[in-house]
Structures are given as structure tokens and as C-alpha cells.
């Protein structure tokens, strides 16, 4: 594969980049930082919520109407705030129960890249997969695409768990997935974080296997590392997951916690912000867990690493993961892990019993029993924590991710019909971090 021995000008696209939860914002921040450290000039184009970026990385905001913000989601802005036909399309899709952001961001990003094509050597799309991406090569820019996992899996699980009219609503919400599959079949290379994710993308999206390259994700070991000076809190469990997403299995963990609470003193910290009065909060009340479960959100890497280091056991109860950064972050902190035997998780954490214990997804009884076994076995927890840290050091660093990704950029530039000599210009004064 071609190597790049000179700096590249990279446009990194992300249609939403929530900084502290959800893999997209985490991926964008750490990849862009390490690419910049390698000498590349990285400009992140993002819709709301915007990412937190490190010094040396440029943020170019591509604002949507922000129809799904946390404070007032699904609120239609006044007509005077609509700027063009893309805004009208965004509102119309929301009004008809669809999710417009991948499509509308891709159209806005394409418009910007056409205008500024001479400023970049390569474009890297982070799982937008909107029709606008198909216009990027026509603008003379090589395109590299990351797909963390096919959203068809999310759709299938959520539709299966919905009832009545909610099934129709879920299908409409996920209607953008058809577009993502059509776009995925027409772009290459596609970077994926695991063999499991590669297999799923080939199967679900009909992508050719030859178009897929495996580049694992990493963890920031400046923060996520063993903290010898941080005592473990007896009985403390921690889970980093989107609380209201059925895919993430938080309901299974809550039921397991309720069972454990009948036998021992346990507490659970969930790093997420559940919808007030939503399904997760209702389940907490139904299980009488208000004094046992805490939700935290908006914390930085230092605070998250401390939470993980304080826990006796970390839990990833997902029904599916294309990689699972929360699992790797817990492992990096030397925290024993209990995780579902689902998606790429076994590939990421290794053999059952070494760095993690694996359980059947959706089975609260098995999950509770496995957690209890670890809570009762301090020597086993210590051995698993040491094995987990070793595994992270050997396999999952962001510098290695950036180096592999840069090689993919060089290959894409070499294969493009119209190549330009890469140059680096001065830092954009709009740089934010």
C-alpha cells in the first residue's frame, strides 16, 4: 500500500459529533488529533452537535436547523430561519417522521467542498453515507469512507422491540438506511473497525468485500489507563451507553442490577442522559432502583476515566457492536469487564475469561450471575484488569489508527483519476478546539 511521506490536506466529514457519548464525536476528535500530530492538516466539517477538537485541528461548522437538539427536539424553527431548499427538505422530512440529517448534511458538505476543492487532497466521510458523498469524486477529490457498523442492525432490533404503530414510526425513522446502503455500494475504500463489522457490512449493505479495509479503533491512553491511586468502590458497576437505545441493552443491565440488589450492596453508574420520563427512567422506577442507579452525562475524558477506574466491574450489555469503544476504554483502565457475546465484542475483548467475561445478550439472569461471580473474586478481577491493559497496549492506540488511515488516504489519492500534488497551507484562523 502507498505510504504518504508528505503532509496531506484532509477534509473529515461528520454529520453529528457529540463529544462525550456516541462513537462519532469520539472518533473524529481522536483521529483528527493524531493525524495532525503526524503532520497532516485536518479540517473537520460537522453538523450539530459540534465536536470538541484538539489544538491544530480546524473546525468548519456546517450548521443544520438542529432539529434534534437535547433542549427542544423536534421543534420547527420559524420560517425566517430557513436558509434554502436543503433546510426545507430537512423540515419536511422531520414532519413526515423521517431522519434527514445524513442526507441534508451530505448535500451541504458537497456544496462546500465543490467551492473549496483546491484546498484539500482527500475527503474522509465518517458514516454519513448521504447522496451528496457520491458527488465528491466528481469534484476531483478522492473519497475514503468509514462505516462503524450497518445501521440496518439498529433498525431491525428497534423494529422488533416496538409494538403497534411504533413499528411503522420506527421504519419511517430509519428510512435513510436504504440511502446509506446504495451509497456504500458505490464508494471505496470503506474503513471498518473489525472483521465482524466487515462481514456485517458486506451482508447487510451488499458491499463487495474487496472494497473493505479493517482499521481498528483506538483509545486515548493519556486518560484511559490504570489508575493505581484511585481506589475501587465496592459493589460499583459502570456502563457507558445510550440509555434509551434498545440496541445498547441498558434495560437488560437494569434488570440484572435489580436482581443483584436483592443479594448484595451494588450501585450502577450509567454514562448517558436518558429521556426524562422515557423508557429507561420508567424502568428504573418499576425496578425500585432510584437509590442504586445514577446517570451522568457531559463529562470529559478525565472524569470518565476516573469513573471507570473506580468501578469494580464495567458492563457492555449491547445486542450489537461494530467495535465498542466503551469496552476498550474500560479495558484500558484495567477494569474487569462483563460484555455481551454479540457483534465485534468477542473480537475486541479476546477469549472469554481473559480480559472480559462474555454473556448472552438480553439475558439479565446470566448477566447478574456473571457480575456476582466477579464481585466475589478479587484475585480474578485483578488478573483480568492486567490482561485487559496489556491487550489495549498491544492492539488499540489512536496513533496506530491514524497511521493506518493515512496509508488509506495515500492509496485513495494514488488510485484517483485526477491527482494533485499535496501541499500544506497555514493554519486556518477559524481553528477551534
Protein backbone atom coordinates (compact mmCIF):
# COMPACT_ATOMS: atom_id res chain seq x y z
CA UNK A 1 0.00 0.00 0.00
CA UNK A 2 1.31 3.51 -0.79
CA UNK A 3 2.83 5.43 2.10
CA UNK A 4 2.49 9.16 2.50
CA UNK A 5 5.78 10.84 3.30
CA UNK A 6 4.41 14.36 2.94
CA UNK A 7 1.59 16.18 4.71
CA UNK A 8 -1.92 15.83 3.31
CA UNK A 9 -4.82 18.26 3.48
CA UNK A 10 -7.70 16.21 4.87
CA UNK A 11 -11.41 17.11 4.97
CA UNK A 12 -13.02 14.94 7.66
CA UNK A 13 -16.82 14.85 7.49
CA UNK A 14 -19.14 14.02 10.39
CA UNK A 15 -22.84 14.83 10.23
CA UNK A 16 -23.12 14.95 14.05
CA UNK A 17 -20.26 14.75 16.53
CA UNK A 18 -21.50 14.66 20.14
CA UNK A 19 -18.27 14.96 22.14
CA UNK A 20 -18.66 12.57 25.06
CA UNK A 21 -21.12 9.86 24.05
CA UNK A 22 -21.80 8.20 20.76
CA UNK A 23 -18.84 6.92 18.78
CA UNK A 24 -18.82 9.54 16.02
CA UNK A 25 -17.64 12.53 18.06
CA UNK A 26 -15.06 10.43 19.91
CA UNK A 27 -13.72 9.02 16.63
CA UNK A 28 -13.47 12.43 14.99
CA UNK A 29 -11.66 14.03 17.90
CA UNK A 30 -9.02 11.37 18.42
CA UNK A 31 -8.38 10.54 14.77
CA UNK A 32 -8.04 14.22 13.82
CA UNK A 33 -5.65 14.87 16.73
CA UNK A 34 -3.34 12.01 15.78
CA UNK A 35 -3.46 12.83 12.07
CA UNK A 36 -2.42 16.39 12.94
CA UNK A 37 0.37 15.03 15.15
CA UNK A 38 1.63 13.11 12.10
CA UNK A 39 1.87 16.42 10.25
CA UNK A 40 -1.35 16.38 8.24
CA UNK A 41 -3.63 19.42 8.02
CA UNK A 42 -7.09 18.29 9.13
CA UNK A 43 -10.31 20.25 8.70
CA UNK A 44 -13.39 18.77 10.35
CA UNK A 45 -16.73 19.59 8.70
CA UNK A 46 -19.51 18.82 11.18
CA UNK A 47 -23.14 19.50 11.84
CA UNK A 48 -24.55 19.96 15.34
CA UNK A 49 -23.69 18.84 17.94
CA UNK A 50 -20.20 20.03 17.14
CA UNK A 51 -17.12 18.09 18.27
CA UNK A 52 -14.52 19.10 20.77
CA UNK A 53 -11.24 19.20 18.85
CA UNK A 54 -7.64 19.46 19.94
CA UNK A 55 -5.33 22.37 19.07
CA UNK A 56 -4.09 22.21 15.50
CA UNK A 57 -7.33 20.77 14.12
CA UNK A 58 -9.65 23.12 12.22
CA UNK A 59 -13.42 23.05 12.73
CA UNK A 60 -15.64 24.26 9.90
CA UNK A 61 -19.23 24.24 11.10
CA UNK A 62 -21.87 23.02 8.64
CA UNK A 63 -25.00 24.02 10.56
CA UNK A 64 -28.26 22.21 10.16
CA UNK A 65 -31.51 23.53 11.64
CA UNK A 66 -30.57 21.44 14.71
CA UNK A 67 -34.00 19.83 14.85
CA UNK A 68 -32.86 17.11 17.28
CA UNK A 69 -31.02 19.14 19.92
CA UNK A 70 -31.29 17.96 23.51
CA UNK A 71 -33.11 21.03 24.79
CA UNK A 72 -36.03 21.21 22.33
CA UNK A 73 -36.03 18.27 19.93
CA UNK A 74 -38.49 18.11 17.02
CA UNK A 75 -39.17 21.84 17.21
CA UNK A 76 -39.79 23.55 13.87
CA UNK A 77 -37.84 26.82 13.62
CA UNK A 78 -39.58 29.97 12.35
CA UNK A 79 -39.71 30.28 8.57
CA UNK A 80 -37.36 33.29 8.68
CA UNK A 81 -34.60 30.96 9.89
CA UNK A 82 -34.87 28.70 6.84
CA UNK A 83 -31.98 29.48 4.51
CA UNK A 84 -32.54 27.38 1.39
CA UNK A 85 -34.15 24.31 -0.15
CA UNK A 86 -32.00 21.95 1.95
CA UNK A 87 -33.47 23.45 5.11
CA UNK A 88 -36.96 22.95 3.65
CA UNK A 89 -36.11 19.32 2.90
CA UNK A 90 -34.85 18.86 6.46
CA UNK A 91 -38.05 20.20 8.00
CA UNK A 92 -40.31 18.27 5.60
CA UNK A 93 -38.55 15.01 6.43
CA UNK A 94 -38.92 15.65 10.16
CA UNK A 95 -42.61 16.49 9.68
CA UNK A 96 -43.10 13.10 7.99
CA UNK A 97 -41.32 11.23 10.84
CA UNK A 98 -38.06 10.62 8.96
CA UNK A 99 -34.49 11.40 9.98
CA UNK A 100 -32.97 13.83 7.46
CA UNK A 101 -29.51 14.61 8.82
CA UNK A 102 -27.35 12.14 6.83
CA UNK A 103 -28.87 13.34 3.55
CA UNK A 104 -29.04 17.05 4.30
CA UNK A 105 -25.54 17.19 5.79
CA UNK A 106 -24.13 15.38 2.76
CA UNK A 107 -25.72 17.95 0.43
CA UNK A 108 -24.40 20.89 2.46
CA UNK A 109 -20.92 19.35 2.70
CA UNK A 110 -20.81 18.68 -1.05
CA UNK A 111 -21.74 22.28 -1.78
CA UNK A 112 -18.89 23.47 0.44
CA UNK A 113 -16.34 21.02 -0.94
CA UNK A 114 -17.13 21.91 -4.54
CA UNK A 115 -16.43 25.53 -3.69
CA UNK A 116 -13.19 24.70 -1.87
CA UNK A 117 -11.94 21.63 -3.75
CA UNK A 118 -8.48 23.12 -4.32
CA UNK A 119 -7.92 23.29 -0.55
CA UNK A 120 -7.94 19.51 0.03
CA UNK A 121 -6.17 16.36 -1.14
CA UNK A 122 -8.63 13.80 0.22
CA UNK A 123 -12.07 13.65 1.85
CA UNK A 124 -12.85 11.22 4.67
CA UNK A 125 -16.54 10.65 5.40
CA UNK A 126 -17.43 9.35 8.85
CA UNK A 127 -20.56 7.23 8.20
CA UNK A 128 -22.74 9.95 6.70
CA UNK A 129 -23.33 7.89 3.56
CA UNK A 130 -25.64 10.50 2.06
CA UNK A 131 -26.20 11.01 -1.64
CA UNK A 132 -24.01 14.11 -1.52
CA UNK A 133 -20.96 11.88 -0.97
CA UNK A 134 -21.38 10.49 -4.49
CA UNK A 135 -20.59 13.94 -5.89
CA UNK A 136 -17.25 14.26 -4.09
CA UNK A 137 -15.13 12.24 -6.58
CA UNK A 138 -16.77 14.18 -9.42
CA UNK A 139 -15.44 17.34 -7.75
CA UNK A 140 -11.92 15.95 -8.19
CA UNK A 141 -11.47 14.80 -4.59
CA UNK A 142 -10.55 11.21 -3.60
CA UNK A 143 -13.01 9.81 -1.05
CA UNK A 144 -12.39 7.46 1.88
CA UNK A 145 -15.41 6.30 3.91
CA UNK A 146 -15.67 4.90 7.43
CA UNK A 147 -18.61 2.68 8.38
CA UNK A 148 -18.57 1.69 12.03
CA UNK A 149 -21.43 -0.74 11.55
CA UNK A 150 -24.50 -1.00 9.29
CA UNK A 151 -27.47 0.85 10.78
CA UNK A 152 -29.71 -1.91 9.42
CA UNK A 153 -28.88 -3.78 12.61
CA UNK A 154 -30.13 -0.90 14.79
CA UNK A 155 -33.28 -0.70 12.68
CA UNK A 156 -34.02 -4.42 12.93
CA UNK A 157 -33.60 -4.54 16.70
CA UNK A 158 -35.68 -1.41 17.33
CA UNK A 159 -38.47 -2.51 14.99
CA UNK A 160 -38.57 -5.97 16.60
CA UNK A 161 -38.91 -4.43 20.07
CA UNK A 162 -41.55 -1.89 19.03
CA UNK A 163 -45.27 -2.59 19.12
CA UNK A 164 -48.31 -1.34 17.20
CA UNK A 165 -47.97 2.00 15.41
CA UNK A 166 -44.45 2.38 16.79
CA UNK A 167 -43.28 -0.24 14.28
CA UNK A 168 -44.44 1.97 11.42
CA UNK A 169 -42.83 5.01 13.04
CA UNK A 170 -39.51 3.20 13.51
CA UNK A 171 -39.45 2.02 9.90
CA UNK A 172 -40.05 5.56 8.69
CA UNK A 173 -37.38 6.98 11.04
CA UNK A 174 -34.83 4.54 9.65
CA UNK A 175 -35.78 5.11 6.01
CA UNK A 176 -32.40 6.81 5.45
CA UNK A 177 -30.73 3.40 5.80
CA UNK A 178 -31.74 2.47 2.25
CA UNK A 179 -29.82 5.51 1.01
CA UNK A 180 -26.80 4.54 3.08
CA UNK A 181 -26.72 1.08 1.51
CA UNK A 182 -26.95 2.47 -2.01
CA UNK A 183 -24.13 4.92 -1.33
CA UNK A 184 -21.96 2.28 0.38
CA UNK A 185 -22.14 0.07 -2.71
CA UNK A 186 -20.71 2.86 -4.86
CA UNK A 187 -17.76 4.06 -2.74
CA UNK A 188 -14.35 2.65 -1.91
CA UNK A 189 -12.32 2.20 0.14
CA UNK A 190 -14.55 1.61 3.15
CA UNK A 191 -12.76 1.53 6.51
CA UNK A 192 -14.33 -0.66 9.20
CA UNK A 193 -13.18 -1.30 12.78
CA UNK A 194 -13.42 -5.10 12.93
CA UNK A 195 -13.79 -8.32 10.94
CA UNK A 196 -17.27 -8.73 12.39
CA UNK A 197 -18.27 -5.28 11.17
CA UNK A 198 -16.78 -6.03 7.74
CA UNK A 199 -18.85 -9.21 7.46
CA UNK A 200 -21.99 -7.38 8.55
CA UNK A 201 -21.49 -4.53 6.08
CA UNK A 202 -20.92 -6.95 3.20
CA UNK A 203 -24.06 -8.88 4.16
CA UNK A 204 -26.36 -6.01 5.10
CA UNK A 205 -25.35 -3.40 2.51
CA UNK A 206 -24.28 -5.69 -0.33
CA UNK A 207 -20.81 -4.14 -0.40
CA UNK A 208 -18.02 -6.01 -2.18
CA UNK A 209 -15.55 -7.48 0.30
CA UNK A 210 -12.67 -6.16 -1.79
CA UNK A 211 -13.86 -2.60 -1.06
CA UNK A 212 -13.49 -3.05 2.72
CA UNK A 213 -10.35 -2.38 4.77
CA UNK A 214 -10.11 -3.14 8.51
CA UNK A 215 -8.68 -0.34 10.66
CA UNK A 216 -9.42 -0.92 14.37
CA UNK A 217 -10.30 1.99 16.61
CA UNK A 218 -8.15 3.24 19.45
CA UNK A 219 -8.23 4.62 22.97
CA UNK A 220 -6.55 7.70 24.40
CA UNK A 221 -4.16 6.17 26.92
CA UNK A 222 -3.26 9.63 28.27
CA UNK A 223 -6.53 9.35 30.18
CA UNK A 224 -7.71 5.76 29.87
CA UNK A 225 -5.06 3.81 31.75
CA UNK A 226 -4.78 2.04 35.10
CA UNK A 227 -5.09 4.50 37.99
CA UNK A 228 -3.15 2.95 40.86
CA UNK A 229 -4.02 5.90 43.10
CA UNK A 230 -7.78 5.53 42.55
CA UNK A 231 -9.44 3.06 44.94
CA UNK A 232 -12.18 0.83 43.62
CA UNK A 233 -15.62 1.49 45.11
CA UNK A 234 -17.01 -1.80 46.50
CA UNK A 235 -20.01 -3.01 44.51
CA UNK A 236 -19.74 -0.20 41.93
CA UNK A 237 -20.76 -1.07 38.35
CA UNK A 238 -20.38 1.31 35.40
CA UNK A 239 -21.83 1.30 31.90
CA UNK A 240 -21.18 3.75 29.05
CA UNK A 241 -24.11 3.50 26.63
CA UNK A 242 -27.01 5.38 25.11
CA UNK A 243 -29.59 4.73 27.81
CA UNK A 244 -32.74 4.74 25.66
CA UNK A 245 -31.39 2.78 22.68
CA UNK A 246 -32.65 -0.83 22.77
CA UNK A 247 -29.51 -1.83 20.85
CA UNK A 248 -27.32 -0.97 23.85
CA UNK A 249 -29.04 -3.31 26.30
CA UNK A 250 -29.29 -0.91 29.25
CA UNK A 251 -32.69 -2.38 30.15
CA UNK A 252 -31.06 -5.81 30.49
CA UNK A 253 -28.42 -4.34 32.80
CA UNK A 254 -31.03 -2.58 34.93
CA UNK A 255 -32.90 -5.87 35.41
CA UNK A 256 -29.64 -7.62 36.30
CA UNK A 257 -28.84 -4.84 38.78
CA UNK A 258 -32.26 -5.23 40.39
CA UNK A 259 -31.57 -8.94 40.90
CA UNK A 260 -28.11 -8.25 42.34
CA UNK A 261 -29.59 -5.65 44.69
CA UNK A 262 -31.66 -8.34 46.38
CA UNK A 263 -28.48 -10.19 47.34
CA UNK A 264 -25.77 -7.55 47.89
CA UNK A 265 -24.92 -3.86 48.07
CA UNK A 266 -24.39 -2.73 44.46
CA UNK A 267 -24.63 0.60 42.67
CA UNK A 268 -24.68 1.34 38.96
CA UNK A 269 -23.44 4.47 37.17
CA UNK A 270 -24.68 4.83 33.59
CA UNK A 271 -22.84 7.40 31.49
CA UNK A 272 -25.75 8.69 29.45
CA UNK A 273 -28.65 11.14 29.56
CA UNK A 274 -31.96 9.28 29.44
CA UNK A 275 -35.07 10.98 28.15
CA UNK A 276 -36.98 12.47 31.11
CA UNK A 277 -39.96 10.21 31.72
CA UNK A 278 -38.76 7.92 28.93
CA UNK A 279 -38.49 4.12 28.89
CA UNK A 280 -35.25 3.93 30.87
CA UNK A 281 -36.41 6.23 33.66
CA UNK A 282 -39.73 4.36 33.87
CA UNK A 283 -37.90 1.03 34.17
CA UNK A 284 -35.69 2.41 36.95
CA UNK A 285 -38.84 3.29 38.88
CA UNK A 286 -40.54 -0.03 38.13
CA UNK A 287 -37.49 -1.87 39.49
CA UNK A 288 -37.19 0.44 42.53
CA UNK A 289 -33.62 1.35 41.62
CA UNK A 290 -33.68 5.12 42.22
CA UNK A 291 -31.26 4.81 45.14
CA UNK A 292 -28.97 2.41 43.23
CA UNK A 293 -28.64 3.91 39.73
CA UNK A 294 -27.02 7.21 38.79
CA UNK A 295 -26.94 8.78 35.32
CA UNK A 296 -24.15 11.18 34.41
CA UNK A 297 -23.58 12.98 31.10
CA UNK A 298 -21.43 15.66 29.53
CA UNK A 299 -18.28 14.62 31.37
CA UNK A 300 -14.81 14.91 29.88
CA UNK A 301 -12.26 12.12 29.37
CA UNK A 302 -10.59 12.74 32.72
CA UNK A 303 -13.86 12.29 34.62
CA UNK A 304 -14.92 9.30 32.53
CA UNK A 305 -11.59 7.56 33.08
CA UNK A 306 -11.92 8.18 36.81
CA UNK A 307 -15.41 6.65 36.82
CA UNK A 308 -14.15 3.57 35.02
CA UNK A 309 -11.14 3.29 37.34
CA UNK A 310 -13.38 3.50 40.43
CA UNK A 311 -15.68 0.67 39.34
CA UNK A 312 -15.16 -2.92 40.35
CA UNK A 313 -16.83 -4.11 37.14
CA UNK A 314 -17.64 -2.39 33.83
CA UNK A 315 -20.53 -3.71 31.74
CA UNK A 316 -21.26 -3.56 27.99
CA UNK A 317 -24.68 -5.25 27.65
CA UNK A 318 -25.24 -4.43 23.96
CA UNK A 319 -27.18 -6.54 21.50
CA UNK A 320 -24.73 -5.48 18.80
CA UNK A 321 -21.50 -3.50 18.45
CA UNK A 322 -19.41 -2.85 15.37
CA UNK A 323 -16.42 -2.28 17.66
CA UNK A 324 -17.26 -0.90 21.17
CA UNK A 325 -15.08 1.96 22.32
CA UNK A 326 -16.60 1.75 25.84
CA UNK A 327 -15.27 -1.79 26.14
CA UNK A 328 -11.76 -0.71 25.14
CA UNK A 329 -11.84 2.33 27.43
CA UNK A 330 -12.78 0.13 30.38
CA UNK A 331 -10.06 -2.37 29.50
CA UNK A 332 -7.52 0.46 29.26
CA UNK A 333 -8.38 1.47 32.83
CA UNK A 334 -7.69 -2.09 33.98
CA UNK A 335 -11.34 -2.51 34.95
CA UNK A 336 -12.73 -6.06 34.72
CA UNK A 337 -15.36 -6.21 32.02
CA UNK A 338 -18.58 -8.16 31.51
CA UNK A 339 -19.82 -7.84 27.93
CA UNK A 340 -22.30 -9.37 25.55
CA UNK A 341 -21.27 -12.11 23.18
CA UNK A 342 -22.50 -10.00 20.26
CA UNK A 343 -21.18 -8.33 17.12
CA UNK A 344 -17.50 -7.44 17.30
CA UNK A 345 -17.27 -7.56 21.10
CA UNK A 346 -15.65 -11.04 21.35
CA UNK A 347 -13.15 -9.99 18.67
CA UNK A 348 -12.30 -6.82 20.58
CA UNK A 349 -12.05 -8.21 24.13
CA UNK A 350 -10.49 -11.58 23.31
CA UNK A 351 -11.18 -15.05 24.72
CA UNK A 352 -13.84 -15.36 27.40
CA UNK A 353 -12.31 -15.09 30.85
CA UNK A 354 -9.02 -13.38 29.95
CA UNK A 355 -9.73 -9.65 29.74
CA UNK A 356 -13.53 -9.94 29.92
CA UNK A 357 -16.38 -12.30 30.70
CA UNK A 358 -18.88 -12.81 27.89
CA UNK A 359 -22.63 -13.34 28.36
CA UNK A 360 -25.69 -13.92 26.22
CA UNK A 361 -27.18 -10.58 25.11
CA UNK A 362 -30.60 -9.87 26.58
CA UNK A 363 -30.30 -12.38 29.45
CA UNK A 364 -30.44 -10.49 32.79
CA UNK A 365 -30.16 -13.68 34.86
CA UNK A 366 -26.90 -14.73 33.23
CA UNK A 367 -25.59 -11.17 33.36
CA UNK A 368 -26.35 -10.88 37.07
CA UNK A 369 -24.72 -14.21 37.85
CA UNK A 370 -21.57 -13.34 35.92
CA UNK A 371 -21.24 -9.93 37.58
CA UNK A 372 -21.79 -11.50 41.01
CA UNK A 373 -19.08 -14.07 40.33
CA UNK A 374 -16.59 -11.30 39.54
CA UNK A 375 -17.61 -9.19 42.53
CA UNK A 376 -16.86 -12.21 44.72
CA UNK A 377 -13.45 -12.87 43.11
CA UNK A 378 -10.93 -10.04 43.77
CA UNK A 379 -7.95 -12.07 42.52
CA UNK A 380 -9.73 -12.84 39.25
CA UNK A 381 -10.68 -9.19 38.84
CA UNK A 382 -7.05 -8.14 39.30
CA UNK A 383 -5.79 -10.68 36.76
CA UNK A 384 -8.43 -9.67 34.22
CA UNK A 385 -7.61 -5.99 34.67
CA UNK A 386 -3.91 -6.63 33.99
CA UNK A 387 -4.72 -8.71 30.92
CA UNK A 388 -7.07 -6.03 29.64
CA UNK A 389 -4.42 -3.30 29.88
CA UNK A 390 -1.89 -5.48 28.05
CA UNK A 391 -4.37 -6.13 25.26
CA UNK A 392 -5.05 -2.42 24.80
CA UNK A 393 -1.34 -1.58 24.63
CA UNK A 394 -0.78 -4.27 22.01
CA UNK A 395 -3.77 -3.51 19.76
CA UNK A 396 -5.66 -0.27 20.34
CA UNK A 397 -3.85 3.08 20.16
CA UNK A 398 -5.04 6.14 18.22
CA UNK A 399 -1.56 6.74 16.77
CA UNK A 400 -1.72 3.32 15.06
CA UNK A 401 -5.25 4.13 13.82
CA UNK A 402 -4.05 7.43 12.32
CA UNK A 403 -1.05 5.82 10.64
CA UNK A 404 -3.22 3.13 9.06
CA UNK A 405 -5.83 5.69 7.99
CA UNK A 406 -3.17 7.92 6.40
CA UNK A 407 -1.98 4.95 4.35
CA UNK A 408 -5.55 4.53 3.11
CA UNK A 409 -5.60 8.21 2.15
CA UNK A 410 -2.39 7.76 0.14
CA UNK A 411 -3.83 4.73 -1.64
CA UNK A 412 -7.05 6.58 -2.47
CA UNK A 413 -5.08 9.54 -3.87
CA UNK A 414 -2.91 7.21 -5.94
CA UNK A 415 -6.00 5.46 -7.37
CA UNK A 416 -7.90 8.65 -8.13
CA UNK A 417 -8.17 9.66 -11.81
CA UNK A 418 -7.22 13.25 -11.01
CA UNK A 419 -4.40 13.58 -8.52
CA UNK A 420 -2.86 16.79 -7.26
CA UNK A 421 0.43 17.34 -5.50
CA UNK A 422 -0.36 17.69 -1.80
CA UNK A 423 0.71 20.90 -0.14
CA UNK A 424 0.13 22.35 3.28
CA UNK A 425 -1.08 25.87 3.86
CA UNK A 426 -1.06 27.87 7.06
CA UNK A 427 -3.43 27.18 9.92
CA UNK A 428 -6.92 28.50 9.35
CA UNK A 429 -7.70 31.34 11.78
CA UNK A 430 -11.10 29.72 12.36
CA UNK A 431 -9.41 26.80 14.09
CA UNK A 432 -11.31 25.80 17.23
CA UNK A 433 -10.68 23.30 19.97
